[in-house]
Full PDB file with SEQRES, HELIX, SHEET, SSBOND, CRYST1, ORIGX, SCALE, CONECT and MASTER records, all heavy atoms in Angstrom:
SEQRES   1 A   40  GLN TYR GLY LEU ASP ASN GLY GLN TRP THR ARG VAL PHE          
SEQRES   2 A   40  VAL PRO GLY SER GLU ALA ALA VAL SER VAL ASN SER PHE          
SEQRES   3 A   40  ASP PRO ASP GLU GLY GLU PHE VAL MET GLU ARG TYR LEU          
SEQRES   4 A   40  LEU                                                          
SHEET    1 AA1 4 GLY A   3  ASP A   5  0                                        
SHEET    2 AA1 4 GLN A   8  PHE A  13 -1                                        
SHEET    3 AA1 4 ALA A  20  ASP A  27 -1                                        
SHEET    4 AA1 4 GLU A  32  LEU A  39 -1                                        
CRYST1    1.000    1.000    1.000  90.00  90.00  90.00 P 1           1          
ORIGX1      1.000000  0.000000  0.000000        0.00000                         
ORIGX2      0.000000  1.000000  0.000000        0.00000                         
ORIGX3      0.000000  0.000000  1.000000        0.00000                         
SCALE1      1.000000  0.000000  0.000000        0.00000                         
SCALE2      0.000000  1.000000  0.000000        0.00000                         
SCALE3      0.000000  0.000000  1.000000        0.00000                         
ATOM      1  N   GLN A   1       9.220   4.755  19.680  1.00  0.00           N  
ATOM      2  CA  GLN A   1       8.957   3.614  20.479  1.00  0.00           C  
ATOM      3  C   GLN A   1       7.530   3.086  20.147  1.00  0.00           C  
ATOM      4  O   GLN A   1       6.628   3.831  20.182  1.00  0.00           O  
ATOM      5  CB  GLN A   1       8.980   3.993  22.011  1.00  0.00           C  
ATOM      6  CG  GLN A   1       8.651   2.748  22.911  1.00  0.00           C  
ATOM      7  CD  GLN A   1       9.649   1.635  22.757  1.00  0.00           C  
ATOM      8  OE1 GLN A   1      10.844   1.831  22.888  1.00  0.00           O  
ATOM      9  NE2 GLN A   1       9.169   0.446  22.578  1.00  0.00           N  
ATOM     10  N   TYR A   2       7.439   1.793  19.938  1.00  0.00           N  
ATOM     11  CA  TYR A   2       6.066   1.171  19.684  1.00  0.00           C  
ATOM     12  C   TYR A   2       5.658   0.539  20.990  1.00  0.00           C  
ATOM     13  O   TYR A   2       6.438   0.138  21.842  1.00  0.00           O  
ATOM     14  CB  TYR A   2       6.202   0.068  18.601  1.00  0.00           C  
ATOM     15  CG  TYR A   2       6.041   0.560  17.202  1.00  0.00           C  
ATOM     16  CD1 TYR A   2       6.763   1.775  16.762  1.00  0.00           C  
ATOM     17  CD2 TYR A   2       5.210  -0.068  16.240  1.00  0.00           C  
ATOM     18  CE1 TYR A   2       6.591   2.252  15.506  1.00  0.00           C  
ATOM     19  CE2 TYR A   2       5.099   0.452  15.020  1.00  0.00           C  
ATOM     20  CZ  TYR A   2       5.687   1.605  14.593  1.00  0.00           C  
ATOM     21  OH  TYR A   2       5.581   2.067  13.335  1.00  0.00           O  
ATOM     22  N   GLY A   3       4.275   0.491  21.104  1.00  0.00           N  
ATOM     23  CA  GLY A   3       3.669  -0.105  22.236  1.00  0.00           C  
ATOM     24  C   GLY A   3       3.435  -1.592  22.101  1.00  0.00           C  
ATOM     25  O   GLY A   3       3.100  -2.000  20.956  1.00  0.00           O  
ATOM     26  N   LEU A   4       3.470  -2.357  23.153  1.00  0.00           N  
ATOM     27  CA  LEU A   4       3.217  -3.821  23.151  1.00  0.00           C  
ATOM     28  C   LEU A   4       1.895  -4.157  23.837  1.00  0.00           C  
ATOM     29  O   LEU A   4       1.791  -3.827  24.995  1.00  0.00           O  
ATOM     30  CB  LEU A   4       4.384  -4.621  23.700  1.00  0.00           C  
ATOM     31  CG  LEU A   4       4.314  -6.109  23.675  1.00  0.00           C  
ATOM     32  CD1 LEU A   4       4.274  -6.650  22.260  1.00  0.00           C  
ATOM     33  CD2 LEU A   4       5.552  -6.767  24.388  1.00  0.00           C  
ATOM     34  N   ASP A   5       1.063  -4.736  23.120  1.00  0.00           N  
ATOM     35  CA  ASP A   5      -0.343  -5.109  23.718  1.00  0.00           C  
ATOM     36  C   ASP A   5      -0.736  -6.399  23.043  1.00  0.00           C  
ATOM     37  O   ASP A   5      -0.914  -6.433  21.798  1.00  0.00           O  
ATOM     38  CB  ASP A   5      -1.312  -3.984  23.566  1.00  0.00           C  
ATOM     39  CG  ASP A   5      -2.666  -4.283  24.272  1.00  0.00           C  
ATOM     40  OD1 ASP A   5      -2.564  -4.528  25.544  1.00  0.00           O  
ATOM     41  OD2 ASP A   5      -3.721  -4.150  23.671  1.00  0.00           O  
ATOM     42  N   ASN A   6      -1.058  -7.378  23.903  1.00  0.00           N  
ATOM     43  CA  ASN A   6      -1.495  -8.687  23.437  1.00  0.00           C  
ATOM     44  C   ASN A   6      -0.491  -9.301  22.402  1.00  0.00           C  
ATOM     45  O   ASN A   6      -0.986  -9.869  21.327  1.00  0.00           O  
ATOM     46  CB  ASN A   6      -2.905  -8.639  22.828  1.00  0.00           C  
ATOM     47  CG  ASN A   6      -3.916  -8.335  23.968  1.00  0.00           C  
ATOM     48  OD1 ASN A   6      -3.830  -8.870  25.085  1.00  0.00           O  
ATOM     49  ND2 ASN A   6      -4.911  -7.522  23.599  1.00  0.00           N  
ATOM     50  N   GLY A   7       0.819  -9.061  22.571  1.00  0.00           N  
ATOM     51  CA  GLY A   7       1.766  -9.664  21.807  1.00  0.00           C  
ATOM     52  C   GLY A   7       1.902  -8.911  20.475  1.00  0.00           C  
ATOM     53  O   GLY A   7       2.621  -9.378  19.539  1.00  0.00           O  
ATOM     54  N   GLN A   8       1.272  -7.715  20.220  1.00  0.00           N  
ATOM     55  CA  GLN A   8       1.298  -6.978  18.971  1.00  0.00           C  
ATOM     56  C   GLN A   8       2.079  -5.603  19.235  1.00  0.00           C  
ATOM     57  O   GLN A   8       1.641  -4.927  20.191  1.00  0.00           O  
ATOM     58  CB  GLN A   8      -0.082  -6.759  18.356  1.00  0.00           C  
ATOM     59  CG  GLN A   8      -0.023  -6.033  17.084  1.00  0.00           C  
ATOM     60  CD  GLN A   8      -1.374  -6.008  16.441  1.00  0.00           C  
ATOM     61  OE1 GLN A   8      -2.374  -5.955  17.150  1.00  0.00           O  
ATOM     62  NE2 GLN A   8      -1.504  -5.796  15.109  1.00  0.00           N  
ATOM     63  N   TRP A   9       3.000  -5.359  18.351  1.00  0.00           N  
ATOM     64  CA  TRP A   9       3.711  -4.007  18.446  1.00  0.00           C  
ATOM     65  C   TRP A   9       2.949  -2.974  17.628  1.00  0.00           C  
ATOM     66  O   TRP A   9       2.751  -3.185  16.375  1.00  0.00           O  
ATOM     67  CB  TRP A   9       5.162  -4.209  17.870  1.00  0.00           C  
ATOM     68  CG  TRP A   9       5.997  -5.000  18.754  1.00  0.00           C  
ATOM     69  CD1 TRP A   9       6.392  -6.314  18.596  1.00  0.00           C  
ATOM     70  CD2 TRP A   9       6.728  -4.528  19.918  1.00  0.00           C  
ATOM     71  NE1 TRP A   9       7.227  -6.738  19.591  1.00  0.00           N  
ATOM     72  CE2 TRP A   9       7.404  -5.622  20.458  1.00  0.00           C  
ATOM     73  CE3 TRP A   9       6.710  -3.360  20.706  1.00  0.00           C  
ATOM     74  CZ2 TRP A   9       8.179  -5.536  21.596  1.00  0.00           C  
ATOM     75  CZ3 TRP A   9       7.469  -3.354  21.781  1.00  0.00           C  
ATOM     76  CH2 TRP A   9       8.236  -4.370  22.279  1.00  0.00           C  
ATOM     77  N   THR A  10       2.534  -1.934  18.329  1.00  0.00           N  
ATOM     78  CA  THR A  10       1.679  -0.900  17.567  1.00  0.00           C  
ATOM     79  C   THR A  10       2.065   0.475  18.027  1.00  0.00           C  
ATOM     80  O   THR A  10       2.421   0.677  19.142  1.00  0.00           O  
ATOM     81  CB  THR A  10       0.215  -1.175  17.890  1.00  0.00           C  
ATOM     82  OG1 THR A  10      -0.168  -2.422  17.561  1.00  0.00           O  
ATOM     83  CG2 THR A  10      -0.742  -0.194  17.120  1.00  0.00           C  
ATOM     84  N   ARG A  11       1.929   1.466  17.113  1.00  0.00           N  
ATOM     85  CA  ARG A  11       2.123   2.874  17.570  1.00  0.00           C  
ATOM     86  C   ARG A  11       0.967   3.673  16.882  1.00  0.00           C  
ATOM     87  O   ARG A  11       0.702   3.570  15.649  1.00  0.00           O  
ATOM     88  CB  ARG A  11       3.430   3.358  17.060  1.00  0.00           C  
ATOM     89  CG  ARG A  11       3.670   4.886  17.462  1.00  0.00           C  
ATOM     90  CD  ARG A  11       3.679   5.061  19.015  1.00  0.00           C  
ATOM     91  NE  ARG A  11       3.764   6.463  19.263  1.00  0.00           N  
ATOM     92  CZ  ARG A  11       4.981   7.114  19.617  1.00  0.00           C  
ATOM     93  NH1 ARG A  11       6.083   6.437  19.546  1.00  0.00           N  
ATOM     94  NH2 ARG A  11       4.909   8.359  19.909  1.00  0.00           N  
ATOM     95  N   VAL A  12       0.201   4.446  17.670  1.00  0.00           N  
ATOM     96  CA  VAL A  12      -0.873   5.225  17.220  1.00  0.00           C  
ATOM     97  C   VAL A  12      -0.375   6.660  17.082  1.00  0.00           C  
ATOM     98  O   VAL A  12       0.139   7.252  18.045  1.00  0.00           O  
ATOM     99  CB  VAL A  12      -2.087   5.193  18.141  1.00  0.00           C  
ATOM    100  CG1 VAL A  12      -3.171   6.044  17.586  1.00  0.00           C  
ATOM    101  CG2 VAL A  12      -2.532   3.767  18.321  1.00  0.00           C  
ATOM    102  N   PHE A  13      -0.561   7.321  15.876  1.00  0.00           N  
ATOM    103  CA  PHE A  13      -0.090   8.662  15.701  1.00  0.00           C  
ATOM    104  C   PHE A  13      -1.321   9.589  15.496  1.00  0.00           C  
ATOM    105  O   PHE A  13      -2.206   9.335  14.689  1.00  0.00           O  
ATOM    106  CB  PHE A  13       0.742   8.748  14.369  1.00  0.00           C  
ATOM    107  CG  PHE A  13       2.083   7.975  14.491  1.00  0.00           C  
ATOM    108  CD1 PHE A  13       2.170   6.710  14.072  1.00  0.00           C  
ATOM    109  CD2 PHE A  13       3.149   8.575  15.043  1.00  0.00           C  
ATOM    110  CE1 PHE A  13       3.333   5.933  14.116  1.00  0.00           C  
ATOM    111  CE2 PHE A  13       4.387   7.807  15.183  1.00  0.00           C  
ATOM    112  CZ  PHE A  13       4.440   6.543  14.729  1.00  0.00           C  
ATOM    113  N   VAL A  14      -1.384  10.631  16.267  1.00  0.00           N  
ATOM    114  CA  VAL A  14      -2.460  11.652  16.205  1.00  0.00           C  
ATOM    115  C   VAL A  14      -1.765  13.002  15.976  1.00  0.00           C  
ATOM    116  O   VAL A  14      -1.465  13.679  16.929  1.00  0.00           O  
ATOM    117  CB  VAL A  14      -3.239  11.526  17.482  1.00  0.00           C  
ATOM    118  CG1 VAL A  14      -4.511  12.462  17.404  1.00  0.00           C  
ATOM    119  CG2 VAL A  14      -3.649  10.211  17.912  1.00  0.00           C  
ATOM    120  N   PRO A  15      -1.565  13.380  14.728  1.00  0.00           N  
ATOM    121  CA  PRO A  15      -0.999  14.693  14.409  1.00  0.00           C  
ATOM    122  C   PRO A  15      -1.877  15.863  14.733  1.00  0.00           C  
ATOM    123  O   PRO A  15      -3.127  15.760  14.742  1.00  0.00           O  
ATOM    124  CB  PRO A  15      -0.670  14.521  12.917  1.00  0.00           C  
ATOM    125  CG  PRO A  15      -1.744  13.610  12.389  1.00  0.00           C  
ATOM    126  CD  PRO A  15      -1.990  12.658  13.476  1.00  0.00           C  
ATOM    127  N   GLY A  16      -1.313  16.928  15.018  1.00  0.00           N  
ATOM    128  CA  GLY A  16      -2.023  18.148  15.394  1.00  0.00           C  
ATOM    129  C   GLY A  16      -2.347  18.993  14.131  1.00  0.00           C  
ATOM    130  O   GLY A  16      -3.244  19.759  14.143  1.00  0.00           O  
ATOM    131  N   SER A  17      -1.723  18.648  13.035  1.00  0.00           N  
ATOM    132  CA  SER A  17      -1.885  19.472  11.835  1.00  0.00           C  
ATOM    133  C   SER A  17      -2.646  18.697  10.692  1.00  0.00           C  
ATOM    134  O   SER A  17      -2.873  19.346   9.692  1.00  0.00           O  
ATOM    135  CB  SER A  17      -0.462  19.806  11.202  1.00  0.00           C  
ATOM    136  OG  SER A  17       0.306  18.717  10.951  1.00  0.00           O  
ATOM    137  N   GLU A  18      -3.002  17.561  10.936  1.00  0.00           N  
ATOM    138  CA  GLU A  18      -3.751  16.735   9.915  1.00  0.00           C  
ATOM    139  C   GLU A  18      -4.932  16.034  10.563  1.00  0.00           C  
ATOM    140  O   GLU A  18      -4.858  15.479  11.725  1.00  0.00           O  
ATOM    141  CB  GLU A  18      -2.811  15.722   9.280  1.00  0.00           C  
ATOM    142  CG  GLU A  18      -3.452  14.950   8.133  1.00  0.00           C  
ATOM    143  CD  GLU A  18      -2.511  13.869   7.629  1.00  0.00           C  
ATOM    144  OE1 GLU A  18      -1.454  13.654   8.192  1.00  0.00           O  
ATOM    145  OE2 GLU A  18      -2.916  13.231   6.568  1.00  0.00           O  
ATOM    146  N   ALA A  19      -6.055  16.075   9.938  1.00  0.00           N  
ATOM    147  CA  ALA A  19      -7.236  15.382  10.429  1.00  0.00           C  
ATOM    148  C   ALA A  19      -7.307  13.918  10.072  1.00  0.00           C  
ATOM    149  O   ALA A  19      -8.131  13.393   9.360  1.00  0.00           O  
ATOM    150  CB  ALA A  19      -8.453  16.094   9.876  1.00  0.00           C  
ATOM    151  N   ALA A  20      -6.271  13.204  10.647  1.00  0.00           N  
ATOM    152  CA  ALA A  20      -6.157  11.769  10.324  1.00  0.00           C  
ATOM    153  C   ALA A  20      -5.464  11.092  11.537  1.00  0.00           C  
ATOM    154  O   ALA A  20      -4.549  11.698  12.063  1.00  0.00           O  
ATOM    155  CB  ALA A  20      -5.487  11.545   9.041  1.00  0.00           C  
ATOM    156  N   VAL A  21      -5.878   9.923  11.824  1.00  0.00           N  
ATOM    157  CA  VAL A  21      -5.122   9.087  12.867  1.00  0.00           C  
ATOM    158  C   VAL A  21      -4.576   7.912  12.131  1.00  0.00           C  
ATOM    159  O   VAL A  21      -5.195   7.198  11.351  1.00  0.00           O  
ATOM    160  CB  VAL A  21      -6.118   8.572  13.916  1.00  0.00           C  
ATOM    161  CG1 VAL A  21      -5.441   7.645  14.900  1.00  0.00           C  
ATOM    162  CG2 VAL A  21      -6.598   9.774  14.735  1.00  0.00           C  
ATOM    163  N   SER A  22      -3.298   7.699  12.385  1.00  0.00           N  
ATOM    164  CA  SER A  22      -2.537   6.457  11.725  1.00  0.00           C  
ATOM    165  C   SER A  22      -2.331   5.494  12.784  1.00  0.00           C  
ATOM    166  O   SER A  22      -1.743   5.829  13.855  1.00  0.00           O  
ATOM    167  CB  SER A  22      -1.252   6.953  11.090  1.00  0.00           C  
ATOM    168  OG  SER A  22      -1.569   7.772  10.031  1.00  0.00           O  
ATOM    169  N   VAL A  23      -2.563   4.218  12.523  1.00  0.00           N  
ATOM    170  CA  VAL A  23      -2.262   3.111  13.488  1.00  0.00           C  
ATOM    171  C   VAL A  23      -1.289   2.165  12.740  1.00  0.00           C  
ATOM    172  O   VAL A  23      -1.676   1.505  11.728  1.00  0.00           O  
ATOM    173  CB  VAL A  23      -3.517   2.296  13.826  1.00  0.00           C  
ATOM    174  CG1 VAL A  23      -3.158   1.248  14.769  1.00  0.00           C  
ATOM    175  CG2 VAL A  23      -4.561   3.239  14.533  1.00  0.00           C  
ATOM    176  N   ASN A  24      -0.059   2.268  13.170  1.00  0.00           N  
ATOM    177  CA  ASN A  24       1.019   1.467  12.484  1.00  0.00           C  
ATOM    178  C   ASN A  24       1.249   0.175  13.405  1.00  0.00           C  
ATOM    179  O   ASN A  24       1.419   0.314  14.621  1.00  0.00           O  
ATOM    180  CB  ASN A  24       2.295   2.236  12.385  1.00  0.00           C  
ATOM    181  CG  ASN A  24       2.103   3.389  11.401  1.00  0.00           C  
ATOM    182  OD1 ASN A  24       1.031   3.582  10.764  1.00  0.00           O  
ATOM    183  ND2 ASN A  24       3.129   4.136  11.181  1.00  0.00           N  
ATOM    184  N   SER A  25       1.376  -0.950  12.699  1.00  0.00           N  
ATOM    185  CA  SER A  25       1.807  -2.200  13.526  1.00  0.00           C  
ATOM    186  C   SER A  25       2.816  -2.913  12.813  1.00  0.00           C  
ATOM    187  O   SER A  25       2.805  -2.897  11.427  1.00  0.00           O  
ATOM    188  CB  SER A  25       0.516  -3.061  13.729  1.00  0.00           C  
ATOM    189  OG  SER A  25      -0.091  -3.342  12.543  1.00  0.00           O  
ATOM    190  N   PHE A  26       3.730  -3.599  13.508  1.00  0.00           N  
ATOM    191  CA  PHE A  26       4.774  -4.306  12.901  1.00  0.00           C  
ATOM    192  C   PHE A  26       4.951  -5.640  13.467  1.00  0.00           C  
ATOM    193  O   PHE A  26       4.964  -5.841  14.726  1.00  0.00           O  
ATOM    194  CB  PHE A  26       6.148  -3.541  13.018  1.00  0.00           C  
ATOM    195  CG  PHE A  26       7.297  -4.083  12.368  1.00  0.00           C  
ATOM    196  CD1 PHE A  26       7.275  -4.474  11.003  1.00  0.00           C  
ATOM    197  CD2 PHE A  26       8.461  -4.379  13.036  1.00  0.00           C  
ATOM    198  CE1 PHE A  26       8.309  -5.086  10.302  1.00  0.00           C  
ATOM    199  CE2 PHE A  26       9.525  -5.048  12.449  1.00  0.00           C  
ATOM    200  CZ  PHE A  26       9.524  -5.413  11.092  1.00  0.00           C  
ATOM    201  N   ASP A  27       4.996  -6.664  12.628  1.00  0.00           N  
ATOM    202  CA  ASP A  27       5.287  -8.028  13.050  1.00  0.00           C  
ATOM    203  C   ASP A  27       6.563  -8.495  12.570  1.00  0.00           C  
ATOM    204  O   ASP A  27       6.762  -8.927  11.419  1.00  0.00           O  
ATOM    205  CB  ASP A  27       4.170  -9.011  12.614  1.00  0.00           C  
ATOM    206  CG  ASP A  27       4.210 -10.346  13.159  1.00  0.00           C  
ATOM    207  OD1 ASP A  27       5.317 -10.721  13.627  1.00  0.00           O  
ATOM    208  OD2 ASP A  27       3.235 -11.117  13.031  1.00  0.00           O  
ATOM    209  N   PRO A  28       7.649  -8.375  13.371  1.00  0.00           N  
ATOM    210  CA  PRO A  28       8.971  -8.692  12.890  1.00  0.00           C  
ATOM    211  C   PRO A  28       9.152 -10.119  12.538  1.00  0.00           C  
ATOM    212  O   PRO A  28       9.905 -10.533  11.620  1.00  0.00           O  
ATOM    213  CB  PRO A  28       9.880  -8.301  14.004  1.00  0.00           C  
ATOM    214  CG  PRO A  28       9.067  -8.302  15.247  1.00  0.00           C  
ATOM    215  CD  PRO A  28       7.705  -7.874  14.776  1.00  0.00           C  
ATOM    216  N   ASP A  29       8.419 -11.048  13.183  1.00  0.00           N  
ATOM    217  CA  ASP A  29       8.533 -12.461  12.895  1.00  0.00           C  
ATOM    218  C   ASP A  29       7.940 -12.824  11.586  1.00  0.00           C  
ATOM    219  O   ASP A  29       8.487 -13.687  10.792  1.00  0.00           O  
ATOM    220  CB  ASP A  29       7.917 -13.291  13.941  1.00  0.00           C  
ATOM    221  CG  ASP A  29       8.554 -13.223  15.340  1.00  0.00           C  
ATOM    222  OD1 ASP A  29       9.780 -12.980  15.418  1.00  0.00           O  
ATOM    223  OD2 ASP A  29       7.865 -13.153  16.399  1.00  0.00           O  
ATOM    224  N   GLU A  30       6.865 -12.202  11.226  1.00  0.00           N  
ATOM    225  CA  GLU A  30       6.194 -12.484   9.898  1.00  0.00           C  
ATOM    226  C   GLU A  30       6.762 -11.499   8.812  1.00  0.00           C  
ATOM    227  O   GLU A  30       6.482 -11.649   7.626  1.00  0.00           O  
ATOM    228  CB  GLU A  30       4.595 -12.296  10.038  1.00  0.00           C  
ATOM    229  CG  GLU A  30       3.992 -13.257  10.901  1.00  0.00           C  
ATOM    230  CD  GLU A  30       4.086 -14.716  10.309  1.00  0.00           C  
ATOM    231  OE1 GLU A  30       4.115 -14.866   9.144  1.00  0.00           O  
ATOM    232  OE2 GLU A  30       4.187 -15.610  11.191  1.00  0.00           O  
ATOM    233  N   GLY A  31       7.486 -10.435   9.254  1.00  0.00           N  
ATOM    234  CA  GLY A  31       8.013  -9.494   8.255  1.00  0.00           C  
ATOM    235  C   GLY A  31       6.894  -8.751   7.569  1.00  0.00           C  
ATOM    236  O   GLY A  31       6.840  -8.549   6.342  1.00  0.00           O  
ATOM    237  N   GLU A  32       5.994  -8.188   8.458  1.00  0.00           N  
ATOM    238  CA  GLU A  32       4.849  -7.434   7.898  1.00  0.00           C  
ATOM    239  C   GLU A  32       4.657  -6.192   8.586  1.00  0.00           C  
ATOM    240  O   GLU A  32       4.571  -6.146   9.967  1.00  0.00           O  
ATOM    241  CB  GLU A  32       3.547  -8.341   7.881  1.00  0.00           C  
ATOM    242  CG  GLU A  32       2.371  -7.742   7.267  1.00  0.00           C  
ATOM    243  CD  GLU A  32       1.245  -8.646   7.258  1.00  0.00           C  
ATOM    244  OE1 GLU A  32       1.097  -9.445   6.286  1.00  0.00           O  
ATOM    245  OE2 GLU A  32       0.383  -8.653   8.094  1.00  0.00           O  
ATOM    246  N   PHE A  33       4.515  -5.148   7.835  1.00  0.00           N  
ATOM    247  CA  PHE A  33       4.298  -3.762   8.508  1.00  0.00           C  
ATOM    248  C   PHE A  33       2.940  -3.294   7.831  1.00  0.00           C  
ATOM    249  O   PHE A  33       2.713  -3.291   6.654  1.00  0.00           O  
ATOM    250  CB  PHE A  33       5.393  -2.808   8.059  1.00  0.00           C  
ATOM    251  CG  PHE A  33       5.224  -1.425   8.678  1.00  0.00           C  
ATOM    252  CD1 PHE A  33       5.477  -1.140   9.965  1.00  0.00           C  
ATOM    253  CD2 PHE A  33       4.672  -0.360   7.880  1.00  0.00           C  
ATOM    254  CE1 PHE A  33       5.311   0.187  10.444  1.00  0.00           C  
ATOM    255  CE2 PHE A  33       4.516   0.843   8.342  1.00  0.00           C  
ATOM    256  CZ  PHE A  33       4.828   1.150   9.630  1.00  0.00           C  
ATOM    257  N   VAL A  34       1.927  -2.839   8.724  1.00  0.00           N  
ATOM    258  CA  VAL A  34       0.718  -2.479   8.391  1.00  0.00           C  
ATOM    259  C   VAL A  34       0.399  -1.042   8.786  1.00  0.00           C  
ATOM    260  O   VAL A  34       0.609  -0.740  10.058  1.00  0.00           O  
ATOM    261  CB  VAL A  34      -0.449  -3.410   8.757  1.00  0.00           C  
ATOM    262  CG1 VAL A  34      -1.774  -2.943   8.337  1.00  0.00           C  
ATOM    263  CG2 VAL A  34      -0.180  -4.806   8.321  1.00  0.00           C  
ATOM    264  N   MET A  35       0.040  -0.153   7.974  1.00  0.00           N  
ATOM    265  CA  MET A  35      -0.387   1.166   8.349  1.00  0.00           C  
ATOM    266  C   MET A  35      -1.859   1.408   7.970  1.00  0.00           C  
ATOM    267  O   MET A  35      -2.264   1.319   6.784  1.00  0.00           O  
ATOM    268  CB  MET A  35       0.482   2.206   7.532  1.00  0.00           C  
ATOM    269  CG  MET A  35       0.155   3.670   7.888  1.00  0.00           C  
ATOM    270  SD  MET A  35       1.100   4.855   6.702  1.00  0.00           S  
ATOM    271  CE  MET A  35       2.771   4.278   7.065  1.00  0.00           C  
ATOM    272  N   GLU A  36      -2.657   1.714   8.959  1.00  0.00           N  
ATOM    273  CA  GLU A  36      -4.112   1.955   8.798  1.00  0.00           C  
ATOM    274  C   GLU A  36      -4.326   3.400   9.184  1.00  0.00           C  
ATOM    275  O   GLU A  36      -3.957   3.919  10.244  1.00  0.00           O  
ATOM    276  CB  GLU A  36      -4.950   1.103   9.614  1.00  0.00           C  
ATOM    277  CG  GLU A  36      -4.841  -0.411   9.243  1.00  0.00           C  
ATOM    278  CD  GLU A  36      -5.840  -1.299   9.998  1.00  0.00           C  
ATOM    279  OE1 GLU A  36      -6.199  -1.011  11.118  1.00  0.00           O  
ATOM    280  OE2 GLU A  36      -6.254  -2.381   9.483  1.00  0.00           O  
ATOM    281  N   ARG A  37      -5.027   4.125   8.194  1.00  0.00           N  
ATOM    282  CA  ARG A  37      -5.282   5.522   8.418  1.00  0.00           C  
ATOM    283  C   ARG A  37      -6.853   5.743   8.471  1.00  0.00           C  
ATOM    284  O   ARG A  37      -7.585   5.281   7.699  1.00  0.00           O  
ATOM    285  CB  ARG A  37      -4.725   6.314   7.301  1.00  0.00           C  
ATOM    286  CG  ARG A  37      -3.241   6.539   7.348  1.00  0.00           C  
ATOM    287  CD  ARG A  37      -2.624   7.116   6.156  1.00  0.00           C  
ATOM    288  NE  ARG A  37      -3.364   8.331   5.606  1.00  0.00           N  
ATOM    289  CZ  ARG A  37      -3.227   9.576   6.086  1.00  0.00           C  
ATOM    290  NH1 ARG A  37      -2.371   9.872   7.032  1.00  0.00           N  
ATOM    291  NH2 ARG A  37      -3.915  10.473   5.511  1.00  0.00           N  
ATOM    292  N   TYR A  38      -7.243   6.551   9.442  1.00  0.00           N  
ATOM    293  CA  TYR A  38      -8.606   6.910   9.657  1.00  0.00           C  
ATOM    294  C   TYR A  38      -8.741   8.409   9.398  1.00  0.00           C  
ATOM    295  O   TYR A  38      -8.085   9.240  10.063  1.00  0.00           O  
ATOM    296  CB  TYR A  38      -9.032   6.673  11.152  1.00  0.00           C  
ATOM    297  CG  TYR A  38      -8.988   5.213  11.555  1.00  0.00           C  
ATOM    298  CD1 TYR A  38      -7.780   4.581  11.883  1.00  0.00           C  
ATOM    299  CD2 TYR A  38     -10.152   4.446  11.544  1.00  0.00           C  
ATOM    300  CE1 TYR A  38      -7.719   3.309  12.207  1.00  0.00           C  
ATOM    301  CE2 TYR A  38     -10.053   3.112  11.885  1.00  0.00           C  
ATOM    302  CZ  TYR A  38      -8.873   2.519  12.220  1.00  0.00           C  
ATOM    303  OH  TYR A  38      -8.898   1.184  12.596  1.00  0.00           O  
ATOM    304  N   LEU A  39      -9.410   8.731   8.289  1.00  0.00           N  
ATOM    305  CA  LEU A  39      -9.635  10.166   8.036  1.00  0.00           C  
ATOM    306  C   LEU A  39     -10.896  10.645   8.651  1.00  0.00           C  
ATOM    307  O   LEU A  39     -12.027  10.359   8.368  1.00  0.00           O  
ATOM    308  CB  LEU A  39      -9.822  10.246   6.432  1.00  0.00           C  
ATOM    309  CG  LEU A  39      -8.685   9.514   5.672  1.00  0.00           C  
ATOM    310  CD1 LEU A  39      -8.902   9.688   4.146  1.00  0.00           C  
ATOM    311  CD2 LEU A  39      -7.311   9.998   6.054  1.00  0.00           C  
ATOM    312  N   LEU A  40     -10.737  11.499   9.625  1.00  0.00           N  
ATOM    313  CA  LEU A  40     -11.785  11.871  10.570  1.00  0.00           C  
ATOM    314  C   LEU A  40     -12.201  13.336  10.373  1.00  0.00           C  
ATOM    315  O   LEU A  40     -11.418  14.190   9.957  1.00  0.00           O  
ATOM    316  CB  LEU A  40     -11.236  11.721  11.994  1.00  0.00           C  
ATOM    317  CG  LEU A  40     -10.785  10.263  12.425  1.00  0.00           C  
ATOM    318  CD1 LEU A  40     -10.224  10.278  13.821  1.00  0.00           C  
ATOM    319  CD2 LEU A  40     -11.861   9.220  12.092  1.00  0.00           C  
TER     320      LEU A  40                                                      
MASTER        0    0    0    0    4    0    0    6  319    1    0    4          
END                                                                             
């Protein structure tokens, strides 16, 4: 399930086994999927 905030569908993943946070967002109208990774 993705979260909806300010008209944007986003899901934040915080794994327990990897030192990285992924922020995935999807715009179905524009047909664009973006994955941003923060190596912490």
